[in-house]
PDB file of N, CA and C in Angstrom:
ATOM      1  N   MET A   1     118.454 128.386 148.088  1.00  0.00           N
ATOM      2  CA  MET A   1     118.147 126.760 147.826  1.00  0.00           C
ATOM      3  C   MET A   1     116.837 126.902 147.177  1.00  0.00           C
ATOM      4  N   SER A   2     116.982 125.971 146.174  1.00  0.00           N
ATOM      5  CA  SER A   2     115.787 125.613 145.548  1.00  0.00           C
ATOM      6  C   SER A   2     115.206 124.534 145.923  1.00  0.00           C
ATOM      7  N   GLU A   3     113.796 124.208 145.418  1.00  0.00           N
ATOM      8  CA  GLU A   3     113.194 123.070 145.920  1.00  0.00           C
ATOM      9  C   GLU A   3     113.572 121.706 145.616  1.00  0.00           C
ATOM     10  N   SER A   4     114.259 121.691 144.713  1.00  0.00           N
ATOM     11  CA  SER A   4     114.916 120.206 144.254  1.00  0.00           C
ATOM     12  C   SER A   4     116.066 120.015 145.185  1.00  0.00           C
ATOM     13  N   GLU A   5     116.899 120.944 145.523  1.00  0.00           N
ATOM     14  CA  GLU A   5     117.751 120.896 146.468  1.00  0.00           C
ATOM     15  C   GLU A   5     117.660 120.522 148.163  1.00  0.00           C
ATOM     16  N   ASP A   6     116.317 120.957 148.386  1.00  0.00           N
ATOM     17  CA  ASP A   6     115.656 120.549 149.836  1.00  0.00           C
ATOM     18  C   ASP A   6     115.246 119.134 149.802  1.00  0.00           C
ATOM     19  N   LEU A   7     114.566 118.581 148.600  1.00  0.00           N
ATOM     20  CA  LEU A   7     114.283 117.265 148.593  1.00  0.00           C
ATOM     21  C   LEU A   7     115.282 116.333 148.734  1.00  0.00           C
ATOM     22  N   ALA A   8     116.669 116.603 148.325  1.00  0.00           N
ATOM     23  CA  ALA A   8     117.835 116.059 147.919  1.00  0.00           C
ATOM     24  C   ALA A   8     118.380 115.818 149.430  1.00  0.00           C
ATOM     25  N   ASP A   9     118.322 116.609 150.152  1.00  0.00           N
ATOM     26  CA  ASP A   9     118.776 116.732 151.730  1.00  0.00           C
ATOM     27  C   ASP A   9     118.017 116.000 152.638  1.00  0.00           C
ATOM     28  N   LEU A  10     116.904 115.470 152.427  1.00  0.00           N
ATOM     29  CA  LEU A  10     115.896 114.908 153.197  1.00  0.00           C
ATOM     30  C   LEU A  10     116.373 113.423 153.906  1.00  0.00           C
ATOM     31  N   GLY A  11     117.090 112.893 153.017  1.00  0.00           N
ATOM     32  CA  GLY A  11     117.762 111.542 153.294  1.00  0.00           C
ATOM     33  C   GLY A  11     116.911 110.249 153.101  1.00  0.00           C
ATOM     34  N   PRO A  12     117.155 109.232 153.316  1.00  0.00           N
ATOM     35  CA  PRO A  12     116.441 108.193 152.790  1.00  0.00           C
ATOM     36  C   PRO A  12     114.906 107.910 153.666  1.00  0.00           C
ATOM     37  N   ARG A  13     113.941 107.408 153.080  1.00  0.00           N
ATOM     38  CA  ARG A  13     112.611 107.492 153.438  1.00  0.00           C
ATOM     39  C   ARG A  13     112.901 106.430 154.864  1.00  0.00           C
ATOM     40  N   PRO A  14     111.990 106.488 155.762  1.00  0.00           N
ATOM     41  CA  PRO A  14     111.753 105.788 156.933  1.00  0.00           C
ATOM     42  C   PRO A  14     110.965 104.339 156.527  1.00  0.00           C
ATOM     43  N   GLU A  15     111.306 103.357 156.896  1.00  0.00           N
ATOM     44  CA  GLU A  15     110.602 102.072 156.547  1.00  0.00           C
ATOM     45  C   GLU A  15     109.018 102.265 157.470  1.00  0.00           C
ATOM     46  N   PRO A  16     108.003 101.905 156.930  1.00  0.00           N
ATOM     47  CA  PRO A  16     106.891 101.991 157.672  1.00  0.00           C
ATOM     48  C   PRO A  16     106.777 100.572 158.507  1.00  0.00           C
ATOM     49  N   ARG A  17     106.337 100.947 159.680  1.00  0.00           N
ATOM     50  CA  ARG A  17     105.972  99.594 160.503  1.00  0.00           C
ATOM     51  C   ARG A  17     104.902  99.421 161.373  1.00  0.00           C
ATOM     52  N   ALA A  18     103.979  98.813 161.463  1.00  0.00           N
ATOM     53  CA  ALA A  18     102.714  98.658 162.075  1.00  0.00           C
ATOM     54  C   ALA A  18     102.922  98.192 163.402  1.00  0.00           C
ATOM     55  N   THR A  19     102.128  98.787 164.552  1.00  0.00           N
ATOM     56  CA  THR A  19     102.237  98.439 165.794  1.00  0.00           C
ATOM     57  C   THR A  19     100.917  97.695 166.241  1.00  0.00           C
ATOM     58  N   ALA A  20     101.079  96.836 167.348  1.00  0.00           N
ATOM     59  CA  ALA A  20      99.965  96.238 167.756  1.00  0.00           C
ATOM     60  C   ALA A  20      98.986  97.279 168.208  1.00  0.00           C
ATOM     61  N   PRO A  21      97.510  97.100 168.272  1.00  0.00           N
ATOM     62  CA  PRO A  21      96.862  98.104 168.847  1.00  0.00           C
ATOM     63  C   PRO A  21      96.603  97.937 170.380  1.00  0.00           C
ATOM     64  N   GLU A  22      96.460  98.964 171.146  1.00  0.00           N
ATOM     65  CA  GLU A  22      96.292  98.873 172.702  1.00  0.00           C
ATOM     66  C   GLU A  22      94.776  98.598 172.925  1.00  0.00           C
ATOM     67  N   LEU A  23      94.795  97.593 173.688  1.00  0.00           N
ATOM     68  CA  LEU A  23      93.345  97.134 174.123  1.00  0.00           C
ATOM     69  C   LEU A  23      92.840  98.134 175.084  1.00  0.00           C
ATOM     70  N   HIS A  24      91.378  98.074 174.994  1.00  0.00           N
ATOM     71  CA  HIS A  24      90.812  99.092 176.205  1.00  0.00           C
ATOM     72  C   HIS A  24      90.888  98.369 177.481  1.00  0.00           C
ATOM     73  N   PRO A  25      91.427  98.899 178.615  1.00  0.00           N
ATOM     74  CA  PRO A  25      91.578  98.127 179.796  1.00  0.00           C
ATOM     75  C   PRO A  25      90.158  97.501 180.762  1.00  0.00           C
ATOM     76  N   GLY A  26      89.092  98.333 180.320  1.00  0.00           N
ATOM     77  CA  GLY A  26      87.770  98.082 181.036  1.00  0.00           C
ATOM     78  C   GLY A  26      86.840  97.411 180.020  1.00  0.00           C
ATOM     79  N   GLY A  27      87.299  97.164 178.821  1.00  0.00           N
ATOM     80  CA  GLY A  27      86.373  96.497 177.741  1.00  0.00           C
ATOM     81  C   GLY A  27      86.302  94.886 178.034  1.00  0.00           C
ATOM     82  N   ALA A  28      85.806  94.164 176.903  1.00  0.00           N
ATOM     83  CA  ALA A  28      85.683  92.971 176.967  1.00  0.00           C
ATOM     84  C   ALA A  28      87.010  92.175 176.680  1.00  0.00           C
ATOM     85  N   ASP A  29      87.965  92.998 176.045  1.00  0.00           N
ATOM     86  CA  ASP A  29      89.353  92.249 176.120  1.00  0.00           C
ATOM     87  C   ASP A  29      90.085  92.389 177.642  1.00  0.00           C
ATOM     88  N   ALA A  30      89.581  92.869 178.594  1.00  0.00           N
ATOM     89  CA  ALA A  30      90.024  92.799 179.805  1.00  0.00           C
ATOM     90  C   ALA A  30      89.844  91.501 180.439  1.00  0.00           C
ATOM     91  N   VAL A  31      89.145  90.848 180.151  1.00  0.00           N
ATOM     92  CA  VAL A  31      88.844  89.231 180.686  1.00  0.00           C
ATOM     93  C   VAL A  31      89.591  88.602 179.677  1.00  0.00           C
ATOM     94  N   VAL A  32      90.620  87.907 180.427  1.00  0.00           N
ATOM     95  CA  VAL A  32      91.467  86.904 179.570  1.00  0.00           C
ATOM     96  C   VAL A  32      90.846  85.602 179.701  1.00  0.00           C
ATOM     97  N   GLU A  33      90.400  84.997 180.720  1.00  0.00           N
ATOM     98  CA  GLU A  33      89.700  83.581 180.767  1.00  0.00           C
ATOM     99  C   GLU A  33      88.962  83.918 182.215  1.00  0.00           C
ATOM    100  N   ARG A  34      87.663  83.220 182.071  1.00  0.00           N
ATOM    101  CA  ARG A  34      86.811  83.250 183.069  1.00  0.00           C
ATOM    102  C   ARG A  34      87.133  81.863 183.985  1.00  0.00           C
ATOM    103  N   GLU A  35      87.106  82.243 185.334  1.00  0.00           N
ATOM    104  CA  GLU A  35      87.480  81.132 186.199  1.00  0.00           C
ATOM    105  C   GLU A  35      86.132  80.460 186.713  1.00  0.00           C
ATOM    106  N   THR A  36      85.175  81.160 186.744  1.00  0.00           N
ATOM    107  CA  THR A  36      83.817  80.401 187.339  1.00  0.00           C
ATOM    108  C   THR A  36      82.960  81.059 186.596  1.00  0.00           C
ATOM    109  N   ASP A  37      81.601  80.279 186.479  1.00  0.00           N
ATOM    110  CA  ASP A  37      80.460  80.946 186.134  1.00  0.00           C
ATOM    111  C   ASP A  37      79.675  81.802 186.995  1.00  0.00           C
ATOM    112  N   PRO A  38      79.150  82.948 186.538  1.00  0.00           N
ATOM    113  CA  PRO A  38      78.412  83.952 187.465  1.00  0.00           C
ATOM    114  C   PRO A  38      77.169  83.146 188.156  1.00  0.00           C
ATOM    115  N   VAL A  39      77.066  83.388 189.411  1.00  0.00           N
ATOM    116  CA  VAL A  39      75.878  82.985 190.165  1.00  0.00           C
ATOM    117  C   VAL A  39      74.872  83.990 190.324  1.00  0.00           C
ATOM    118  N   VAL A  40      73.676  83.593 189.609  1.00  0.00           N
ATOM    119  CA  VAL A  40      72.550  84.412 189.705  1.00  0.00           C
ATOM    120  C   VAL A  40      71.451  83.674 190.332  1.00  0.00           C
ATOM    121  N   PRO A  41      71.072  84.364 191.300  1.00  0.00           N
ATOM    122  CA  PRO A  41      70.139  83.485 192.329  1.00  0.00           C
ATOM    123  C   PRO A  41      68.380  83.672 191.498  1.00  0.00           C
ATOM    124  N   ASP A  42      67.717  82.717 191.620  1.00  0.00           N
ATOM    125  CA  ASP A  42      66.554  82.604 191.065  1.00  0.00           C
ATOM    126  C   ASP A  42      65.663  82.750 192.288  1.00  0.00           C
ATOM    127  N   VAL A  43      65.395  84.238 192.353  1.00  0.00           N
ATOM    128  CA  VAL A  43      64.326  84.347 193.406  1.00  0.00           C
ATOM    129  C   VAL A  43      62.919  84.393 193.096  1.00  0.00           C
ATOM    130  N   SER A  44      61.898  83.880 193.798  1.00  0.00           N
ATOM    131  CA  SER A  44      60.790  83.896 193.503  1.00  0.00           C
ATOM    132  C   SER A  44      59.991  85.441 193.843  1.00  0.00           C
ATOM    133  N   ALA A  45      58.792  85.742 193.455  1.00  0.00           N
ATOM    134  CA  ALA A  45      58.375  87.079 193.903  1.00  0.00           C
ATOM    135  C   ALA A  45      57.759  86.957 195.223  1.00  0.00           C
ATOM    136  N   ASP A  46      57.563  85.981 195.899  1.00  0.00           N
ATOM    137  CA  ASP A  46      57.223  85.912 197.368  1.00  0.00           C
ATOM    138  C   ASP A  46      58.408  86.354 197.930  1.00  0.00           C
ATOM    139  N   ASP A  47      59.484  85.901 197.645  1.00  0.00           N
ATOM    140  CA  ASP A  47      60.700  86.062 198.379  1.00  0.00           C
ATOM    141  C   ASP A  47      61.339  87.427 198.450  1.00  0.00           C
ATOM    142  N   ASN A  48      60.791  88.212 197.158  1.00  0.00           N
ATOM    143  CA  ASN A  48      61.218  89.619 197.047  1.00  0.00           C
ATOM    144  C   ASN A  48      60.552  90.644 198.308  1.00  0.00           C
ATOM    145  N   PRO A  49      61.302  91.177 198.588  1.00  0.00           N
ATOM    146  CA  PRO A  49      60.552  92.055 199.914  1.00  0.00           C
ATOM    147  C   PRO A  49      60.078  93.284 199.134  1.00  0.00           C
ATOM    148  N   ALA A  50      60.607  93.593 197.896  1.00  0.00           N
ATOM    149  CA  ALA A  50      59.850  94.857 197.062  1.00  0.00           C
ATOM    150  C   ALA A  50      58.505  94.470 196.706  1.00  0.00           C
ATOM    151  N   THR A  51      58.016  93.384 196.700  1.00  0.00           N
ATOM    152  CA  THR A  51      57.040  92.891 196.032  1.00  0.00           C
ATOM    153  C   THR A  51      55.809  92.628 196.936  1.00  0.00           C
ATOM    154  N   GLU A  52      56.211  92.909 198.263  1.00  0.00           N
ATOM    155  CA  GLU A  52      55.425  92.891 199.600  1.00  0.00           C
ATOM    156  C   GLU A  52      53.838  93.164 199.332  1.00  0.00           C
ATOM    157  N   ASN A  53      54.069  94.646 199.077  1.00  0.00           N
ATOM    158  CA  ASN A  53      52.626  95.603 198.853  1.00  0.00           C
ATOM    159  C   ASN A  53      52.220  95.518 197.526  1.00  0.00           C
ATOM    160  N   ALA A  54      52.470  94.689 196.665  1.00  0.00           N
ATOM    161  CA  ALA A  54      51.870  94.551 195.340  1.00  0.00           C
ATOM    162  C   ALA A  54      50.536  93.782 195.400  1.00  0.00           C
ATOM    163  N   PRO A  55      49.549  93.907 194.492  1.00  0.00           N
ATOM    164  CA  PRO A  55      48.603  92.955 194.645  1.00  0.00           C
ATOM    165  C   PRO A  55      48.804  91.527 194.126  1.00  0.00           C
ATOM    166  N   ALA A  56      48.242  90.794 194.682  1.00  0.00           N
ATOM    167  CA  ALA A  56      48.491  89.142 194.412  1.00  0.00           C
ATOM    168  C   ALA A  56      48.629  88.698 192.910  1.00  0.00           C
ATOM    169  N   GLY A  57      47.350  89.611 192.295  1.00  0.00           N
ATOM    170  CA  GLY A  57      47.539  89.022 190.819  1.00  0.00           C
ATOM    171  C   GLY A  57      48.886  89.353 190.170  1.00  0.00           C
ATOM    172  N   THR A  58      49.572  90.315 190.538  1.00  0.00           N
ATOM    173  CA  THR A  58      51.094  90.851 189.690  1.00  0.00           C
ATOM    174  C   THR A  58      51.890  89.727 190.131  1.00  0.00           C
ATOM    175  N   ARG A  59      51.746  89.051 191.407  1.00  0.00           N
ATOM    176  CA  ARG A  59      52.824  88.143 191.689  1.00  0.00           C
ATOM    177  C   ARG A  59      52.752  86.620 191.357  1.00  0.00           C
ATOM    178  N   GLU A  60      51.739  86.315 190.815  1.00  0.00           N
ATOM    179  CA  GLU A  60      51.256  84.890 190.078  1.00  0.00           C
ATOM    180  C   GLU A  60      52.183  84.936 188.795  1.00  0.00           C
ATOM    181  N   GLY A  61      52.513  83.688 188.711  1.00  0.00           N
ATOM    182  CA  GLY A  61      53.044  83.451 187.408  1.00  0.00           C
ATOM    183  C   GLY A  61      52.003  83.280 186.291  1.00  0.00           C
ATOM    184  N   GLU A  62      52.549  83.725 185.033  1.00  0.00           N
ATOM    185  CA  GLU A  62      51.724  83.503 183.938  1.00  0.00           C
ATOM    186  C   GLU A  62      51.674  82.381 183.258  1.00  0.00           C
ATOM    187  N   ASP A  63      50.624  81.726 182.670  1.00  0.00           N
ATOM    188  CA  ASP A  63      50.870  80.662 181.888  1.00  0.00           C
ATOM    189  C   ASP A  63      50.911  81.098 180.267  1.00  0.00           C
ATOM    190  N   THR A  64      52.305  80.810 179.822  1.00  0.00           N
ATOM    191  CA  THR A  64      52.476  81.056 178.431  1.00  0.00           C
ATOM    192  C   THR A  64      52.808  79.649 177.716  1.00  0.00           C
ATOM    193  N   SER A  65      52.306  78.726 177.964  1.00  0.00           N
ATOM    194  CA  SER A  65      52.266  77.440 177.421  1.00  0.00           C
ATOM    195  C   SER A  65      51.573  77.422 175.985  1.00  0.00           C
ATOM    196  N   THR A  66      52.037  76.934 175.032  1.00  0.00           N
ATOM    197  CA  THR A  66      51.254  76.762 173.827  1.00  0.00           C
ATOM    198  C   THR A  66      51.418  75.533 173.384  1.00  0.00           C
ATOM    199  N   GLN A  67      50.886  75.251 172.086  1.00  0.00           N
ATOM    200  CA  GLN A  67      50.877  73.841 171.628  1.00  0.00           C
ATOM    201  C   GLN A  67      52.205  73.358 171.253  1.00  0.00           C
ATOM    202  N   ALA A  68      52.983  74.630 170.637  1.00  0.00           N
ATOM    203  CA  ALA A  68      54.379  74.587 170.200  1.00  0.00           C
ATOM    204  C   ALA A  68      55.221  74.257 171.591  1.00  0.00           C
ATOM    205  N   THR A  69      55.017  74.981 172.723  1.00  0.00           N
ATOM    206  CA  THR A  69      55.999  74.869 173.567  1.00  0.00           C
ATOM    207  C   THR A  69      55.755  73.531 174.443  1.00  0.00           C
ATOM    208  N   ARG A  70      54.488  72.961 174.355  1.00  0.00           N
ATOM    209  CA  ARG A  70      54.065  71.834 174.877  1.00  0.00           C
ATOM    210  C   ARG A  70      54.589  70.345 174.078  1.00  0.00           C
ATOM    211  N   GLY A  71      54.958  70.635 172.730  1.00  0.00           N
ATOM    212  CA  GLY A  71      55.420  69.663 171.953  1.00  0.00           C
ATOM    213  C   GLY A  71      54.144  68.920 171.088  1.00  0.00           C
ATOM    214  N   GLU A  72      52.913  69.406 171.337  1.00  0.00           N
ATOM    215  CA  GLU A  72      51.865  68.858 170.880  1.00  0.00           C
ATOM    216  C   GLU A  72      51.789  69.098 169.274  1.00  0.00           C
ATOM    217  N   ASP A  73      51.295  68.271 168.543  1.00  0.00           N
ATOM    218  CA  ASP A  73      51.065  68.600 166.795  1.00  0.00           C
ATOM    219  C   ASP A  73      49.955  69.099 166.709  1.00  0.00           C
ATOM    220  N   ALA A  74      50.037  70.264 166.131  1.00  0.00           N
ATOM    221  CA  ALA A  74      48.927  71.006 165.585  1.00  0.00           C
ATOM    222  C   ALA A  74      48.265  70.676 164.526  1.00  0.00           C
ATOM    223  N   ASP A  75      46.865  70.698 164.462  1.00  0.00           N
ATOM    224  CA  ASP A  75      46.124  70.293 163.041  1.00  0.00           C
ATOM    225  C   ASP A  75      46.278  71.746 162.162  1.00  0.00           C
ATOM    226  N   GLY A  76      46.344  71.435 160.777  1.00  0.00           N
ATOM    227  CA  GLY A  76      46.449  72.581 159.953  1.00  0.00           C
ATOM    228  C   GLY A  76      45.097  73.198 159.734  1.00  0.00           C
ATOM    229  N   ASP A  77      44.216  72.397 160.078  1.00  0.00           N
ATOM    230  CA  ASP A  77      42.819  72.808 159.676  1.00  0.00           C
ATOM    231  C   ASP A  77      42.612  73.823 160.762  1.00  0.00           C
ATOM    232  N   SER A  78      42.752  74.042 161.927  1.00  0.00           N
ATOM    233  CA  SER A  78      42.735  75.030 163.018  1.00  0.00           C
ATOM    234  C   SER A  78      43.542  76.247 162.781  1.00  0.00           C
ATOM    235  N   GLU A  79      44.412  76.372 161.849  1.00  0.00           N
ATOM    236  CA  GLU A  79      45.271  77.455 161.678  1.00  0.00           C
ATOM    237  C   GLU A  79      44.358  78.418 160.916  1.00  0.00           C
ATOM    238  N   SER A  80      44.553  79.760 160.995  1.00  0.00           N
ATOM    239  CA  SER A  80      43.929  80.787 160.158  1.00  0.00           C
ATOM    240  C   SER A  80      44.629  80.855 158.668  1.00  0.00           C
ATOM    241  N   PRO A  81      43.899  80.978 157.649  1.00  0.00           N
ATOM    242  CA  PRO A  81      44.403  81.061 156.178  1.00  0.00           C
ATOM    243  C   PRO A  81      44.871  82.422 156.284  1.00  0.00           C
ATOM    244  N   ALA A  82      46.230  82.511 156.417  1.00  0.00           N
ATOM    245  CA  ALA A  82      47.009  83.810 156.266  1.00  0.00           C
ATOM    246  C   ALA A  82      47.599  83.749 154.767  1.00  0.00           C
TER     247      ALA A  82
END
């Protein structure tokens, strides 16, 4: 048989078709709809038993308020000229 006779015996080409991708069962696709919001407790450092032996200074909150977070208007003169 020659090469041209082999190609003629193959028959018609199959039609290409796409299939839907399989979603990962444990990924973000696994959750269809959230029924309730997750409950995250807001535990203070005093109630945490792991911080009982920690120094008191590490258990106190830190003051991170600034003029921007308090909503105060800042003077442009007090800013550094960058």
